[in-house]
Protein backbone atom coordinates (compact mmCIF):
# COMPACT_ATOMS: atom_id res chain seq x y z
CA MET A 1 23.74 67.19 28.79
CA LYS A 2 25.14 64.17 26.96
CA ASN A 3 22.72 61.84 28.73
CA VAL A 4 19.81 64.14 27.87
CA CYS A 5 20.78 64.12 24.19
CA LEU A 6 21.10 60.35 24.19
CA SER A 7 17.68 60.03 25.81
CA LEU A 8 16.11 62.35 23.25
CA LEU A 9 17.76 60.42 20.44
CA LEU A 10 16.43 57.15 21.86
CA LEU A 11 12.91 58.52 22.18
CA SER A 12 13.03 59.94 18.67
CA THR A 13 14.09 56.55 17.35
CA ILE A 14 11.26 54.83 19.20
CA PHE A 15 8.60 57.14 17.87
CA PHE A 16 10.03 56.97 14.35
CA LEU A 17 9.87 53.17 14.37
CA TYR A 18 6.47 53.21 16.01
CA ASN A 19 4.96 55.54 13.43
CA THR A 20 6.58 54.03 10.33
CA LYS A 21 6.24 50.38 11.44
CA ALA A 22 9.57 49.84 9.69
CA GLY A 23 11.75 48.90 12.60
CA ASN A 24 10.81 45.27 13.16
CA GLN A 25 9.53 42.78 10.62
CA TYR A 26 8.31 40.56 13.44
CA ILE A 27 5.94 43.24 14.73
CA GLN A 28 4.56 44.07 11.30
CA SER A 29 3.85 40.44 10.49
CA VAL A 30 2.23 39.63 13.83
CA ASP A 31 -0.04 42.64 13.39
CA GLN A 32 -0.94 41.65 9.84
CA GLN A 33 -1.89 38.14 10.91
CA ASP A 34 -3.66 38.89 14.16
CA GLN A 35 -5.84 41.65 12.75
CA GLN A 36 -7.58 38.93 10.74
CA ALA A 37 -7.78 36.36 13.53
CA GLU A 38 -11.24 37.19 14.87
CA ILE A 39 -12.97 34.86 17.31
CA LYS A 40 -16.31 35.71 15.71
CA GLY A 41 -17.75 32.93 13.57
CA MET A 42 -15.36 30.23 14.81
CA LYS A 43 -17.13 26.92 15.33
CA PRO A 44 -16.55 25.61 18.87
CA ASN A 45 -15.61 22.05 19.74
CA LYS A 46 -18.68 20.82 21.60
CA LYS A 47 -17.53 17.27 22.28
CA GLU A 48 -17.14 16.56 25.98
CA PRO A 49 -15.60 13.57 27.80
CA THR A 50 -17.74 10.96 29.53
CA GLN A 51 -15.48 10.85 32.57
CA ALA A 52 -13.70 13.55 34.54
CA PRO A 53 -9.92 13.72 34.20
CA THR A 54 -7.43 13.09 36.98
CA LEU A 55 -5.97 16.35 38.26
CA GLY A 56 -2.35 16.81 39.19
CA ALA A 57 0.50 19.27 39.37
CA ILE A 58 4.28 19.41 39.36
CA ARG A 59 6.78 22.04 40.43
CA ALA A 60 8.71 23.89 37.78
CA SER A 61 12.41 24.48 38.26
CA ASP A 62 11.63 27.91 39.77
CA GLY A 63 8.97 26.49 42.10
CA THR A 64 5.92 27.56 40.09
CA THR A 65 3.02 25.10 40.08
CA LEU A 66 2.33 23.54 36.67
CA ALA A 67 -1.12 21.95 36.69
CA TYR A 68 -2.39 19.21 34.42
CA ASN A 69 -5.49 17.17 33.61
CA CYS A 70 -4.79 13.61 32.53
CA TYR A 71 -6.34 10.38 31.34
CA VAL A 72 -4.15 7.34 31.98
CA PRO A 73 -5.20 3.84 30.86
CA ASP A 74 -4.45 0.77 32.97
CA VAL A 75 -1.69 -0.39 30.63
CA PRO A 76 -0.42 2.58 28.60
CA THR A 77 1.74 1.96 25.54
CA ALA A 78 2.84 5.59 25.09
CA ALA A 79 2.43 8.99 26.72
CA LEU A 80 1.53 12.39 25.28
CA ILE A 81 2.03 15.82 26.82
CA PHE A 82 -0.30 18.25 25.07
CA TYR A 83 -0.53 22.07 25.28
CA HIS A 84 -3.51 24.35 24.68
CA GLY A 85 -3.76 27.37 22.39
CA SER A 86 -3.10 31.03 23.15
CA GLY A 87 -5.08 32.40 26.10
CA ALA A 88 -6.92 29.10 26.66
CA ASN A 89 -6.31 26.26 29.11
CA SER A 90 -6.39 22.48 29.19
CA GLN A 91 -10.09 22.24 30.08
CA ALA A 92 -11.20 24.45 27.18
CA GLY A 93 -12.08 21.81 24.60
CA TYR A 94 -9.18 19.37 25.03
CA LEU A 95 -10.56 16.78 27.46
CA TYR A 96 -12.53 14.74 24.91
CA MET A 97 -9.45 14.27 22.74
CA ALA A 98 -7.39 13.14 25.73
CA GLU A 99 -10.05 10.70 26.91
CA GLN A 100 -10.34 9.14 23.45
CA LEU A 101 -6.58 8.68 23.16
CA ALA A 102 -6.44 6.92 26.51
CA LYS A 103 -9.53 4.79 25.89
CA TYR A 104 -8.92 3.61 22.34
CA TYR A 105 -5.14 3.94 21.85
CA ASN A 106 -3.80 3.34 25.38
CA VAL A 107 -2.00 6.67 25.34
CA ALA A 108 -1.51 8.28 28.74
CA THR A 109 -2.42 11.87 27.90
CA TYR A 110 -1.37 14.82 30.05
CA LEU A 111 -2.93 18.20 29.31
CA PHE A 112 -0.69 20.80 30.92
CA ASP A 113 -1.71 24.39 31.61
CA ILE A 114 1.06 26.73 30.51
CA ARG A 115 2.25 28.87 33.44
CA GLY A 116 0.01 31.90 33.85
CA HIS A 117 -2.95 29.96 32.41
CA GLY A 118 -5.72 27.79 33.84
CA THR A 119 -4.87 26.42 37.26
CA SER A 120 -1.10 26.69 36.84
CA GLY A 121 0.75 29.27 38.91
CA GLY A 122 2.35 32.46 37.73
CA ALA A 123 1.06 35.88 36.77
CA ARG A 124 -1.67 35.62 34.16
CA GLY A 125 -0.21 35.71 30.67
CA ASP A 126 3.30 36.49 31.90
CA ALA A 127 6.61 34.70 32.49
CA PRO A 128 10.00 35.64 33.93
CA SER A 129 11.37 35.09 30.41
CA SER A 130 10.44 33.24 27.25
CA ALA A 131 13.00 30.56 28.07
CA THR A 132 11.25 29.93 31.41
CA VAL A 133 8.19 28.68 29.51
CA TRP A 134 10.34 26.29 27.48
CA SER A 135 12.01 25.15 30.69
CA ASP A 136 8.53 24.28 31.99
CA VAL A 137 8.05 21.99 28.99
CA ARG A 138 11.30 20.24 29.83
CA ASP A 139 10.15 19.85 33.45
CA ALA A 140 6.86 18.31 32.28
CA LEU A 141 8.75 15.97 29.97
CA ASP A 142 11.06 14.89 32.78
CA TYR A 143 8.09 14.20 35.04
CA VAL A 144 6.19 12.09 32.51
CA GLN A 145 9.36 10.20 31.57
CA GLN A 146 9.90 9.30 35.21
CA THR A 147 6.25 8.32 35.61
CA HIS A 148 6.17 6.15 32.49
CA LYS A 149 9.65 4.71 32.25
CA GLU A 150 10.42 2.74 29.09
CA LEU A 151 7.45 4.25 27.22
CA PRO A 152 7.80 6.55 24.20
CA ILE A 153 6.88 10.13 25.14
CA PHE A 154 5.41 12.61 22.67
CA LEU A 155 4.94 16.38 22.81
CA GLY A 156 1.89 17.93 21.17
CA GLY A 157 0.09 21.22 20.98
CA HIS A 158 -2.79 23.05 19.34
CA SER A 159 -2.48 26.46 17.66
CA GLY A 160 -0.29 28.64 19.91
CA GLY A 161 0.64 25.58 21.98
CA ALA A 162 2.11 24.03 18.84
CA GLY A 163 3.96 27.27 18.14
CA MET A 164 5.46 27.16 21.63
CA LEU A 165 6.73 23.63 21.01
CA MET A 166 8.31 24.65 17.71
CA ASN A 167 10.31 27.17 19.72
CA TYR A 168 11.09 24.58 22.38
CA ALA A 169 12.27 22.04 19.80
CA VAL A 170 15.29 24.15 18.84
CA TRP A 171 15.95 25.64 22.30
CA GLN A 172 19.53 24.76 23.18
CA ALA A 173 18.57 23.27 26.57
CA ALA A 174 15.65 21.17 25.26
CA GLU A 175 15.29 17.48 25.88
CA GLN A 176 13.80 15.90 22.79
CA PRO A 177 10.72 13.65 22.94
CA ASP A 178 10.12 10.62 20.74
CA GLY A 179 7.97 12.72 18.43
CA TYR A 180 6.01 15.95 17.94
CA LEU A 181 2.30 16.32 17.14
CA PHE A 182 1.17 19.77 15.97
CA VAL A 183 -2.59 20.34 15.58
CA ALA A 184 -3.82 23.36 13.55
CA PRO A 185 -0.51 25.03 14.44
CA MET A 186 0.40 28.70 14.50
CA LEU A 187 3.27 28.82 12.01
CA GLY A 188 4.69 32.22 12.74
CA ARG A 189 5.47 35.53 11.17
CA ASP A 190 7.00 34.41 7.88
CA ALA A 191 4.50 31.69 6.99
CA GLY A 192 1.96 33.84 5.15
CA VAL A 193 -0.77 31.25 5.73
CA VAL A 194 -3.51 33.45 7.17
CA ARG A 195 -6.85 32.97 5.44
CA GLU A 196 -8.00 36.11 3.68
CA ARG A 197 -11.33 37.36 4.96
CA GLU A 198 -13.18 40.63 5.20
CA ARG A 199 -14.15 42.22 8.48
CA GLU A 200 -17.91 42.22 8.96
CA LYS A 201 -17.91 45.89 9.88
CA LYS A 202 -15.28 48.56 9.64
CA ASN A 203 -15.55 49.30 13.34
CA ASP A 204 -15.36 45.63 14.41
CA ARG A 205 -12.76 45.17 17.09
CA PRO A 206 -10.03 42.68 16.10
CA PHE A 207 -9.59 39.54 18.15
CA VAL A 208 -5.97 40.42 18.95
CA GLU A 209 -4.76 43.98 19.51
CA LEU A 210 -1.04 44.58 19.37
CA HIS A 211 0.85 46.90 21.73
CA ARG A 212 3.72 47.93 19.48
CA PHE A 213 5.40 50.24 21.95
CA SER A 214 6.12 47.36 24.37
CA LEU A 215 7.60 45.22 21.62
CA LEU A 216 9.67 48.08 20.26
CA MET A 217 11.13 48.96 23.65
CA HIS A 218 12.02 45.32 24.25
CA TYR A 219 13.53 44.99 20.77
CA ILE A 220 15.68 48.11 20.68
CA THR A 221 16.96 47.63 24.25
CA GLY A 222 18.01 44.05 23.58
CA GLY A 223 15.45 42.69 26.04
CA LEU A 224 16.42 44.94 28.95
CA ILE A 225 13.11 46.81 29.02
CA GLY A 226 9.51 45.77 28.45
CA GLY A 227 9.57 42.01 29.04
CA HIS A 228 6.65 42.22 31.46
CA TRP A 229 4.75 44.89 29.54
CA THR A 230 1.56 43.97 27.71
CA ALA A 231 2.32 42.89 24.13
CA VAL A 232 -1.09 41.68 22.93
CA THR A 233 -4.67 41.83 24.19
CA PHE A 234 -7.12 39.03 23.38
CA ASN A 235 -10.71 40.14 22.96
CA TYR A 236 -12.26 36.88 24.09
CA PRO A 237 -16.01 36.88 24.80
CA GLU A 238 -16.68 37.79 28.41
CA HIS A 239 -18.24 34.43 29.26
CA LEU A 240 -15.04 32.58 28.27
CA VAL A 241 -13.05 34.81 30.58
CA LYS A 242 -15.44 34.44 33.52
CA GLU A 243 -16.53 30.82 33.13
CA ARG A 244 -13.45 29.19 31.60
CA GLY A 245 -10.67 31.40 32.86
CA PHE A 246 -9.31 32.52 29.51
CA VAL A 247 -6.33 34.88 29.63
CA THR A 248 -6.96 38.28 28.07
CA ALA A 249 -3.40 39.57 27.56
CA TYR A 250 0.17 38.39 26.99
CA THR A 251 3.34 40.15 27.99
CA VAL A 252 6.31 40.42 25.65
CA ASN A 253 7.97 37.47 27.40
CA MET A 254 4.96 35.20 26.98
CA LEU A 255 4.39 36.22 23.38
CA GLY A 256 8.03 35.46 22.63
CA ALA A 257 7.61 31.99 24.10
CA ILE A 258 4.44 31.17 22.17
CA HIS A 259 4.94 32.82 18.78
CA PRO A 260 7.31 30.79 16.56
CA HIS A 261 9.67 32.06 13.92
CA HIS A 262 11.84 30.50 11.19
CA VAL A 263 9.46 27.53 11.20
CA GLN A 264 10.63 26.05 7.89
CA GLN A 265 14.22 25.84 9.13
CA ARG A 266 13.13 24.47 12.48
CA LEU A 267 11.00 21.72 11.00
CA SER A 268 13.73 20.82 8.54
CA SER A 269 16.18 20.33 11.41
CA LEU A 270 14.06 18.02 13.58
CA GLN A 271 15.39 14.51 14.01
CA VAL A 272 12.29 12.88 15.51
CA PRO A 273 8.98 11.95 13.81
CA THR A 274 6.84 15.07 13.48
CA TRP A 275 3.21 15.22 12.37
CA ILE A 276 1.31 18.36 11.42
CA PHE A 277 -2.49 18.06 11.37
CA VAL A 278 -4.22 20.63 9.17
CA ALA A 279 -7.89 21.63 9.51
CA ASP A 280 -9.07 22.18 5.93
CA GLN A 281 -11.94 24.41 7.07
CA ASP A 282 -9.76 26.39 9.49
CA GLU A 283 -11.19 29.88 9.91
CA LEU A 284 -7.73 31.36 10.53
CA PHE A 285 -5.27 29.50 8.32
CA ASP A 286 -5.51 28.59 4.64
CA PRO A 287 -4.70 24.88 4.06
CA HIS A 288 -3.35 25.50 0.55
CA LYS A 289 -0.98 28.16 1.85
CA ILE A 290 0.05 25.82 4.65
CA ASP A 291 0.94 23.07 2.18
CA ALA A 292 3.00 25.48 0.09
CA PHE A 293 4.80 26.81 3.16
CA LEU A 294 5.55 23.35 4.58
CA ALA A 295 6.61 21.80 1.27
CA PRO A 296 10.36 22.56 1.67
CA ALA A 297 10.43 20.96 5.13
CA VAL A 298 8.45 17.91 3.99
CA GLU A 299 10.71 17.42 0.96
CA SER A 300 13.95 17.85 2.88
CA ASN A 301 13.09 15.96 6.07
CA ASN A 302 11.59 12.47 5.99
CA TYR A 303 10.55 12.86 9.62
CA VAL A 304 7.97 15.55 8.80
CA HIS A 305 4.46 14.44 7.81
CA VAL A 306 1.37 16.52 7.00
CA VAL A 307 -2.15 15.12 7.51
CA HIS A 308 -5.32 16.93 6.42
CA LEU A 309 -8.71 16.66 8.14
CA PRO A 310 -11.20 17.73 5.41
CA GLU A 311 -14.16 18.58 7.66
CA ALA A 312 -12.28 20.12 10.57
CA PHE A 313 -12.31 23.78 11.67
CA HIS A 314 -9.74 25.48 13.90
CA LEU A 315 -11.47 24.37 17.12
CA THR A 316 -13.60 21.42 16.00
CA ILE A 317 -10.43 19.58 15.00
CA LEU A 318 -10.01 18.91 18.73
CA GLY A 319 -13.08 16.68 18.61
CA GLN A 320 -11.93 14.82 15.50
CA VAL A 321 -8.17 14.41 15.56
CA HIS A 322 -7.81 11.67 18.19
CA ASP A 323 -7.78 8.85 15.61
CA GLN A 324 -5.06 10.55 13.57
CA LEU A 325 -3.05 11.25 16.73
CA GLY A 326 -3.45 7.69 17.93
CA GLN A 327 -2.38 6.25 14.59
CA ALA A 328 0.65 8.53 14.41
CA ILE A 329 1.73 7.52 17.92
CA SER A 330 1.17 3.83 17.10
CA GLU A 331 3.50 4.13 14.11
C-alpha cells in the first residue's frame, strides 16, 4: 500500500509540473527559445569546396566510431577540430570553411561528426550519457594532438556544436585546447538572445518540438529515468533528412550534452583565448542581445573576444568566417 501511495504521489507531482510548467526553469526556457527557431526563411550556405576532403575515423573510449572530414595542408602551422550544429553533420555546409582554412591559413582542419550524427557510430541523436559526448571531444583532441605534435590545437563549433564545447570546457575531465572558436553559438537557457519574430501562420509547426515529459522524468528522478527518451524533435525538411542525413530527434542525454547553461560564468572562467563570432543578420539570435549578454564575460576576462560579421546569417556565416577564424588562430 505504501509503495502504491508513493507511486501515486510521484505521478501526481509529474503531471502537476507538466501542466504548470513550473518545475524546471531549464525546460521552460528551452521551449521559449526553440518555439521561435524555425528553419523556414533561413538562408543556406551555398559555398562548396573545390576539392573533396580526406575521410577518416577514430575510436572513442567506448569503441564507438567517430568519423571526420579533414583538409590538411602540406606544412600546417595549427590544427582545428570543428563541430557542426544540432541535427546536422560535418558535410552539411562546413567543407568550404575547412578547405579555405587549410589553403590560405595552413590550418589542418578536422570536421568531426558528433556520435549519432553523420557517418559516426552510435544510435541517431542519442548517447550513453551527456558526459560520453564530451569524452568524445577529448578523444578527438588527443588524436589530433598526437597527429600534429608541437602544433597549437583549437576547438571550434557552430551553433549547437559551440554549445557542446561550452559544456566541455568546464567538464571536470576535459583537456583544454590552445583556444576556442565559437561561430553563431547557441548560448543557452539564460541568455535571452533569441530574435523576436512572428510565426507566419498560427498553425505553422515549430522547428523544434519539446517533449517535456521525458525531461521532467529525467529531472525529478535525478537522471535515473528517461536519459534515452526523446527530448526534442527537429522538423527538418524531408530532403535534408534523406539526402544529407540530418538527425530528426535528440534524447535527453544528447540534449544535455549539446545545450549549454551558465554560459556567462563559463566564459568568464576560461583561461585560453576564446573568440565568439556573431552573425549580425542571424535569423535566430539578436546580435544586440548577444553583446549585452556577453558583456560581463568580455569585461572580466581578457581572453574572451567578440567579432561581428555584418552581412552574415546563421548559416551563411559558414561561407564567410574563414578569414576571421584564420586571423584568430594566427594571433
